[in-house]
Amino acid sequence: MDGVNRTVDYAPLTDPVDPAAVDAFKAQTKASGAGWATIGAGQIVTAVIAAVVGLAVLIPITLVLTVTFTSFGTAGAGLGSLIGPLVVLLALGGTGFLVFRTVIPSRRRWENWYRLSEFARRNGLIYSPASPGPSYAGAIFGLGTDRRSLDHFRSADGRFLDFGNYRYTTGSGKQRTVHNWGFLALHLDRRLPHMLLDSKANNGLFGVSNLPISFDKEQVLSLEGDFDRYFTLYCPRQYERDALYVFTPDLMALLIDEAAPFDVEIVDDFMFVYSRTPFRPLEPGVYQRLLRIVDTIGAKTLSQTDRYRDERVGDFQANIVAQPGRRLKRRIPAVAIVVTLLVVGYHFWSIVGGILSD
């Protein structure tokens, strides 16, 4: 998958599919023991929990309906005696259907997996519908629990390229939140200072960043031209000249043209691209855009940094960045500070109120 003159075959994503080919793919995949193609303990537990919760909700409703109809006399009692078993039967049938759909992949899902696997095979990639979350050092990784990559591609050989969707969970109970991202990771030749381009196009209300972590604003570096209208650049203090060495006017122009809706981060020897909206896996346009980013922004970043060295280290062969440049300094978001102060203030006044009431 190297080179700007790559030829990509998108036909598997859109052409009609031979059902026999899907069946053969399904049989071969199951025989290979691929984890995503088999029923795992986690899926079974999820299905059982869904069944128990469903019955726990529906059975009391059934009892209430039965008692209600019985209260209307003989006719109501007869109807109540019928509606109870009927609702229970429907509940069991519905729960069974949901369990079946949770545990057993549908025909359509296998067809989609076949399309994506064939697209990968024809284009020098490896595809997995689900795999463990990668251990990257980027801003969206390493957070929460249940981290995993979905509809996930990586290069089979040559320069390492990795792209797909990424999911993780934070909180629990009513505060449980599932976070979904699209991402691309490209391996670079040289280790570089930690730099992040926070896209202004995907920010929230009042320009608040959509990224899950925040960085110290003292690390913001303003660049020339209109670039600051599209991105906020963060780089470690005392590494401003290094950032200017990387983000030349031609690279900035490519970033504006090709990646304005995305956040872009460089950590160690990786370049990451983040999309707050997960990628639609069967859309050829998604892969056309991602691979165009690799062939333009990625290629220019590689050529621009192939002779980079951190002058604080001085040794080109070492290919390392001094400690102060390896990671941006994080900051606590203002919202978190406000919430903490409100919680502390509430408890403080609760205690004071209790003392005064005594």
Protein backbone atom coordinates (compact mmCIF):
# COMPACT_ATOMS: atom_id res chain seq x y z
CA MET A 1 0.00 0.00 0.00
CA ASP A 2 2.97 2.34 -0.44
CA GLY A 3 3.12 5.13 -2.96
CA VAL A 4 0.99 7.92 -4.30
CA ASN A 5 0.40 5.99 -7.55
CA ARG A 6 -1.42 3.14 -5.84
CA THR A 7 -4.32 1.53 -7.67
CA VAL A 8 -7.19 0.58 -5.39
CA ASP A 9 -9.90 -1.90 -6.32
CA TYR A 10 -13.18 -0.76 -4.76
CA ALA A 11 -15.37 -3.24 -6.66
CA PRO A 12 -15.85 -5.69 -3.74
CA LEU A 13 -17.64 -2.96 -1.79
CA THR A 14 -20.30 -2.37 -4.46
CA ASP A 15 -20.47 -5.29 -6.93
CA PRO A 16 -23.17 -7.99 -6.58
CA VAL A 17 -22.11 -10.82 -4.28
CA ASP A 18 -22.23 -14.52 -5.12
CA PRO A 19 -24.07 -16.29 -2.23
CA ALA A 20 -21.89 -19.38 -2.75
CA ALA A 21 -18.77 -17.25 -2.23
CA VAL A 22 -20.22 -15.89 1.03
CA ASP A 23 -20.98 -19.43 2.25
CA ALA A 24 -17.46 -20.57 1.41
CA PHE A 25 -15.99 -17.54 3.16
CA LYS A 26 -18.13 -18.24 6.24
CA ALA A 27 -17.07 -21.88 6.40
CA GLN A 28 -13.40 -21.07 5.87
CA THR A 29 -13.44 -18.30 8.48
CA LYS A 30 -15.06 -20.50 11.12
CA ALA A 31 -12.65 -23.32 10.35
CA SER A 32 -9.72 -20.93 10.84
CA GLY A 33 -10.87 -20.26 14.41
CA ALA A 34 -11.09 -16.49 13.97
CA GLY A 35 -12.27 -15.07 17.30
CA TRP A 36 -14.80 -12.68 15.76
CA ALA A 37 -16.45 -15.53 13.80
CA THR A 38 -17.20 -17.72 16.80
CA ILE A 39 -19.57 -17.38 19.72
CA GLY A 40 -17.60 -16.12 22.69
CA ALA A 41 -18.33 -16.30 26.41
CA GLY A 42 -18.91 -12.54 26.46
CA GLN A 43 -21.63 -12.80 23.81
CA ILE A 44 -23.37 -15.59 25.69
CA VAL A 45 -23.27 -13.65 28.96
CA THR A 46 -24.65 -10.56 27.21
CA ALA A 47 -27.47 -12.59 25.70
CA VAL A 48 -28.36 -14.20 29.03
CA ILE A 49 -28.38 -10.81 30.78
CA ALA A 50 -30.63 -9.42 28.04
CA ALA A 51 -33.02 -12.34 28.51
CA VAL A 52 -33.13 -11.96 32.29
CA VAL A 53 -33.66 -8.21 32.11
CA GLY A 54 -36.36 -8.62 29.48
CA LEU A 55 -38.28 -11.14 31.55
CA ALA A 56 -37.79 -9.13 34.75
CA VAL A 57 -39.49 -6.17 33.07
CA LEU A 58 -42.24 -7.97 31.17
CA ILE A 59 -43.46 -10.48 33.75
CA PRO A 60 -44.57 -7.82 36.31
CA ILE A 61 -46.35 -5.98 33.48
CA THR A 62 -48.14 -9.21 32.62
CA LEU A 63 -49.24 -9.71 36.23
CA VAL A 64 -50.57 -6.16 36.43
CA LEU A 65 -52.57 -6.63 33.23
CA THR A 66 -53.98 -9.95 34.49
CA VAL A 67 -55.09 -8.45 37.81
CA THR A 68 -56.56 -5.42 36.01
CA PHE A 69 -58.70 -7.49 33.66
CA THR A 70 -59.78 -9.83 36.48
CA SER A 71 -61.15 -6.85 38.37
CA PHE A 72 -63.76 -6.34 35.60
CA GLY A 73 -65.66 -9.47 36.54
CA THR A 74 -66.18 -12.84 34.90
CA ALA A 75 -65.59 -11.69 31.33
CA GLY A 76 -62.51 -9.76 32.37
CA ALA A 77 -61.22 -12.72 34.34
CA GLY A 78 -61.50 -14.92 31.26
CA LEU A 79 -59.68 -12.38 29.16
CA GLY A 80 -57.07 -11.93 31.87
CA SER A 81 -56.43 -15.65 31.98
CA LEU A 82 -55.71 -15.55 28.25
CA ILE A 83 -53.64 -12.38 28.10
CA GLY A 84 -51.22 -13.52 30.78
CA PRO A 85 -49.91 -16.61 28.95
CA LEU A 86 -50.04 -14.72 25.63
CA VAL A 87 -47.84 -11.88 26.88
CA VAL A 88 -45.43 -14.34 28.50
CA LEU A 89 -45.26 -16.29 25.23
CA LEU A 90 -44.60 -13.11 23.25
CA ALA A 91 -42.00 -12.02 25.80
CA LEU A 92 -40.18 -15.34 25.62
CA GLY A 93 -40.35 -15.33 21.82
CA GLY A 94 -39.10 -11.75 21.57
CA THR A 95 -36.31 -12.39 24.08
CA GLY A 96 -35.30 -15.53 22.22
CA PHE A 97 -35.16 -13.61 18.95
CA LEU A 98 -32.99 -10.89 20.50
CA VAL A 99 -30.68 -13.52 21.99
CA PHE A 100 -30.44 -15.23 18.62
CA ARG A 101 -29.59 -11.95 16.85
CA THR A 102 -27.03 -11.08 19.53
CA VAL A 103 -25.19 -14.39 19.36
CA ILE A 104 -25.66 -15.54 15.76
CA PRO A 105 -24.42 -13.19 12.99
CA SER A 106 -27.02 -12.58 10.31
CA ARG A 107 -26.66 -13.44 6.62
CA ARG A 108 -26.32 -9.74 5.80
CA ARG A 109 -23.50 -9.36 8.33
CA TRP A 110 -21.59 -12.26 6.77
CA GLU A 111 -22.07 -10.70 3.36
CA ASN A 112 -20.66 -7.40 4.63
CA TRP A 113 -17.69 -9.17 6.23
CA TYR A 114 -17.05 -10.99 2.95
CA ARG A 115 -17.11 -7.72 1.00
CA LEU A 116 -14.68 -6.02 3.37
CA SER A 117 -12.37 -9.04 3.54
CA GLU A 118 -12.30 -9.27 -0.25
CA PHE A 119 -11.62 -5.53 -0.50
CA ALA A 120 -8.70 -6.01 1.90
CA ARG A 121 -7.34 -9.05 0.06
CA ARG A 122 -7.33 -7.30 -3.31
CA ASN A 123 -5.58 -4.23 -1.94
CA GLY A 124 -2.80 -5.61 0.23
CA LEU A 125 -4.65 -5.21 3.54
CA ILE A 126 -5.77 -7.44 6.39
CA TYR A 127 -9.34 -7.02 7.66
CA SER A 128 -10.92 -7.84 11.00
CA PRO A 129 -14.51 -6.99 12.01
CA ALA A 130 -13.39 -6.76 15.64
CA SER A 131 -10.02 -6.86 17.39
CA PRO A 132 -8.55 -5.75 20.73
CA GLY A 133 -7.95 -2.03 21.10
CA PRO A 134 -4.45 -0.98 19.95
CA SER A 135 -1.90 0.22 22.49
CA TYR A 136 -1.16 3.48 20.69
CA ALA A 137 -0.09 6.59 22.60
CA GLY A 138 -2.57 8.87 20.81
CA ALA A 139 -5.17 11.08 22.47
CA ILE A 140 -8.17 8.79 21.99
CA PHE A 141 -6.45 5.56 23.01
CA GLY A 142 -5.90 3.98 26.42
CA LEU A 143 -9.04 5.53 27.92
CA GLY A 144 -11.97 3.79 29.59
CA THR A 145 -12.68 0.06 29.34
CA ASP A 146 -13.81 -2.47 26.73
CA ARG A 147 -11.45 -0.94 24.18
CA ARG A 148 -11.63 -2.46 20.71
CA SER A 149 -11.19 -1.76 17.02
CA LEU A 150 -14.10 -2.42 14.66
CA ASP A 151 -14.12 -2.88 10.87
CA HIS A 152 -10.39 -2.71 11.16
CA PHE A 153 -7.80 -2.71 8.34
CA ARG A 154 -4.03 -2.84 8.49
CA SER A 155 -1.34 -3.19 5.85
CA ALA A 156 -0.21 -6.72 5.03
CA ASP A 157 3.33 -5.60 4.19
CA GLY A 158 5.38 -2.48 3.54
CA ARG A 159 4.87 0.63 5.62
CA PHE A 160 2.53 0.03 8.54
CA LEU A 161 -0.91 1.52 7.99
CA ASP A 162 -3.87 0.97 10.29
CA PHE A 163 -7.37 2.40 10.00
CA GLY A 164 -10.94 1.67 11.03
CA ASN A 165 -13.24 2.46 13.93
CA TYR A 166 -12.41 2.49 17.63
CA ARG A 167 -14.73 2.11 20.62
CA TYR A 168 -14.31 2.38 24.37
CA THR A 169 -16.60 2.80 27.38
CA THR A 170 -16.43 5.19 30.32
CA GLY A 171 -18.50 5.34 33.49
CA SER A 172 -21.00 2.79 34.72
CA GLY A 173 -24.72 2.51 35.33
CA LYS A 174 -26.65 5.57 34.19
CA GLN A 175 -23.33 7.39 33.60
CA ARG A 176 -22.09 4.69 31.22
CA THR A 177 -21.07 6.18 27.87
CA VAL A 178 -19.83 4.41 24.75
CA HIS A 179 -17.40 6.50 22.69
CA ASN A 180 -16.99 5.80 18.97
CA TRP A 181 -14.27 7.20 16.71
CA GLY A 182 -12.83 6.69 13.28
CA PHE A 183 -9.02 6.60 13.15
CA LEU A 184 -6.04 6.22 10.89
CA ALA A 185 -2.49 5.44 12.03
CA LEU A 186 0.56 5.73 9.77
CA HIS A 187 4.05 4.71 10.85
CA LEU A 188 6.75 7.32 10.27
CA ASP A 189 10.48 6.83 9.85
CA ARG A 190 11.59 9.35 12.47
CA ARG A 191 10.46 9.96 16.03
CA LEU A 192 9.08 13.49 16.34
CA PRO A 193 8.02 15.81 19.15
CA HIS A 194 4.43 15.37 20.30
CA MET A 195 2.29 17.71 18.19
CA LEU A 196 -1.47 17.90 17.82
CA LEU A 197 -3.70 19.70 15.33
CA ASP A 198 -7.11 20.21 16.90
CA SER A 199 -9.56 20.79 14.06
CA LYS A 200 -11.90 23.72 14.60
CA ALA A 201 -14.48 22.22 12.22
CA ASN A 202 -15.46 19.45 14.64
CA ASN A 203 -15.39 21.41 17.90
CA GLY A 204 -18.46 21.69 20.08
CA LEU A 205 -20.36 24.61 21.57
CA PHE A 206 -18.24 27.74 22.15
CA GLY A 207 -15.37 26.08 20.28
CA VAL A 208 -14.75 23.41 22.93
CA SER A 209 -12.54 20.64 21.57
CA ASN A 210 -14.16 17.30 20.84
CA LEU A 211 -11.03 15.43 21.92
CA PRO A 212 -11.33 13.39 25.13
CA ILE A 213 -8.28 15.02 26.75
CA SER A 214 -7.19 18.66 26.98
CA PHE A 215 -3.75 20.22 26.66
CA ASP A 216 -2.17 23.23 28.30
CA LYS A 217 -3.00 26.32 26.24
CA GLU A 218 0.51 27.69 26.78
CA GLN A 219 1.62 25.11 24.19
CA VAL A 220 -0.46 26.64 21.37
CA LEU A 221 1.65 27.81 18.43
CA SER A 222 0.19 30.18 15.83
CA LEU A 223 1.15 29.52 12.22
CA GLU A 224 1.14 31.81 9.21
CA GLY A 225 -1.64 32.45 6.73
CA ASP A 226 -5.15 31.09 7.26
CA PHE A 227 -4.00 27.92 8.98
CA ASP A 228 -5.19 29.04 12.42
CA ARG A 229 -8.73 29.33 11.05
CA TYR A 230 -8.76 25.57 10.54
CA PHE A 231 -6.56 24.09 13.26
CA THR A 232 -5.14 24.84 16.69
CA LEU A 233 -1.57 23.56 16.80
CA TYR A 234 -0.14 22.31 20.11
CA CYS A 235 3.59 21.62 20.47
CA PRO A 236 5.81 21.30 23.57
CA ARG A 237 7.40 24.50 24.86
CA GLN A 238 10.85 25.14 23.38
CA TYR A 239 9.91 22.94 20.39
CA GLU A 240 8.32 25.72 18.34
CA ARG A 241 11.17 25.74 15.82
CA ASP A 242 10.85 21.96 15.41
CA ALA A 243 7.11 22.35 14.72
CA LEU A 244 7.85 24.95 12.04
CA TYR A 245 10.38 22.54 10.52
CA VAL A 246 7.61 19.94 10.15
CA PHE A 247 4.60 22.11 9.30
CA THR A 248 5.86 23.90 6.22
CA PRO A 249 3.46 25.99 4.08
CA ASP A 250 2.97 23.17 1.57
CA LEU A 251 2.12 20.65 4.31
CA MET A 252 -0.24 23.15 5.92
CA ALA A 253 -2.01 23.61 2.58
CA LEU A 254 -2.46 19.84 2.24
CA LEU A 255 -3.86 19.63 5.76
CA ILE A 256 -6.42 22.34 5.00
CA ASP A 257 -7.43 20.72 1.70
CA GLU A 258 -7.52 17.08 2.78
CA ALA A 259 -7.96 16.88 6.56
CA ALA A 260 -9.77 19.99 7.79
CA PRO A 261 -12.67 18.01 9.38
CA PHE A 262 -10.27 15.74 11.30
CA ASP A 263 -7.90 16.04 14.24
CA VAL A 264 -4.30 15.11 13.43
CA GLU A 265 -1.72 14.04 16.00
CA ILE A 266 1.95 13.09 15.81
CA VAL A 267 3.26 10.99 18.69
CA ASP A 268 6.67 9.32 18.62
CA ASP A 269 6.93 7.76 15.14
CA PHE A 270 3.19 7.67 14.33
CA MET A 271 0.81 10.07 12.68
CA PHE A 272 -2.84 9.70 13.70
CA VAL A 273 -6.00 11.07 12.11
CA TYR A 274 -9.19 11.10 14.20
CA SER A 275 -12.82 11.36 13.13
CA ARG A 276 -15.46 11.96 15.82
CA THR A 277 -17.94 10.21 13.51
CA PRO A 278 -17.12 6.53 12.92
CA PHE A 279 -16.29 5.57 9.34
CA ARG A 280 -19.03 3.86 7.33
CA PRO A 281 -17.36 0.57 6.43
CA LEU A 282 -18.98 -0.12 3.04
CA GLU A 283 -18.56 3.38 1.59
CA PRO A 284 -15.83 3.55 -1.10
CA GLY A 285 -15.59 7.31 -0.57
CA VAL A 286 -14.41 6.75 3.01
CA TYR A 287 -11.40 4.72 1.88
CA GLN A 288 -10.71 7.02 -1.04
CA ARG A 289 -10.41 9.93 1.37
CA LEU A 290 -8.33 8.05 3.94
CA LEU A 291 -5.89 6.74 1.35
CA ARG A 292 -5.68 10.19 -0.23
CA ILE A 293 -4.68 11.56 3.18
CA VAL A 294 -1.97 8.90 3.37
CA ASP A 295 -0.74 9.67 -0.14
CA THR A 296 -0.67 13.45 0.35
CA ILE A 297 -0.32 14.46 3.99
CA GLY A 298 1.38 11.21 4.98
CA ALA A 299 3.82 11.27 2.08
CA LYS A 300 4.68 14.92 2.65
CA THR A 301 5.18 14.38 6.39
CA LEU A 302 7.51 11.49 5.67
CA SER A 303 9.61 13.45 3.19
CA GLN A 304 9.64 16.55 5.38
CA THR A 305 10.87 14.67 8.45
CA ASP A 306 13.21 12.06 6.96
CA ARG A 307 16.24 14.03 8.20
CA TYR A 308 14.74 15.34 11.43
CA ARG A 309 16.77 15.06 14.61
CA ASP A 310 16.19 16.62 18.00
CA GLU A 311 19.15 18.97 18.46
CA ARG A 312 18.86 18.44 22.23
CA VAL A 313 19.93 14.84 21.62
CA GLY A 314 22.20 15.56 18.67
CA ASP A 315 22.54 11.97 17.45
CA PHE A 316 20.65 11.29 14.19
CA GLN A 317 21.23 7.55 14.47
CA ALA A 318 19.61 7.41 17.91
CA ASN A 319 16.25 8.50 16.47
CA ILE A 320 14.89 9.74 19.78
CA VAL A 321 13.31 12.92 21.12
CA ALA A 322 14.44 14.45 24.40
CA GLN A 323 12.09 13.95 27.33
CA PRO A 324 10.55 17.49 27.31
CA GLY A 325 9.39 17.03 23.72
CA ARG A 326 7.91 13.54 23.98
CA ARG A 327 4.53 14.46 25.44
CA LEU A 328 2.37 17.56 25.56
CA LYS A 329 1.35 18.75 29.00
CA ARG A 330 -2.27 18.03 29.77
CA ARG A 331 -4.66 20.27 31.63
CA ILE A 332 -7.81 19.65 33.64
CA PRO A 333 -10.86 20.77 31.59
CA ALA A 334 -12.69 23.82 32.97
CA VAL A 335 -15.94 21.84 33.11
CA ALA A 336 -14.35 19.27 35.40
CA ILE A 337 -13.08 22.03 37.69
CA VAL A 338 -16.53 23.65 37.87
CA VAL A 339 -18.25 20.32 38.58
CA THR A 340 -15.72 19.49 41.29
CA LEU A 341 -16.19 22.89 42.95
CA LEU A 342 -19.97 22.49 42.84
CA VAL A 343 -19.81 19.03 44.42
CA VAL A 344 -17.38 20.20 47.14
CA GLY A 345 -19.51 23.30 47.75
CA TYR A 346 -22.68 21.23 48.04
CA HIS A 347 -21.15 18.88 50.60
CA PHE A 348 -19.65 21.81 52.50
CA TRP A 349 -22.97 23.60 52.83
CA SER A 350 -24.69 20.30 53.71
CA ILE A 351 -22.30 19.89 56.62
CA VAL A 352 -22.64 23.54 57.67
CA GLY A 353 -26.42 23.29 57.42
CA GLY A 354 -26.43 20.17 59.54
CA ILE A 355 -24.33 21.85 62.23
CA LEU A 356 -26.49 24.97 62.28
CA SER A 357 -29.71 22.94 62.44
CA ASP A 358 -28.42 21.17 65.55
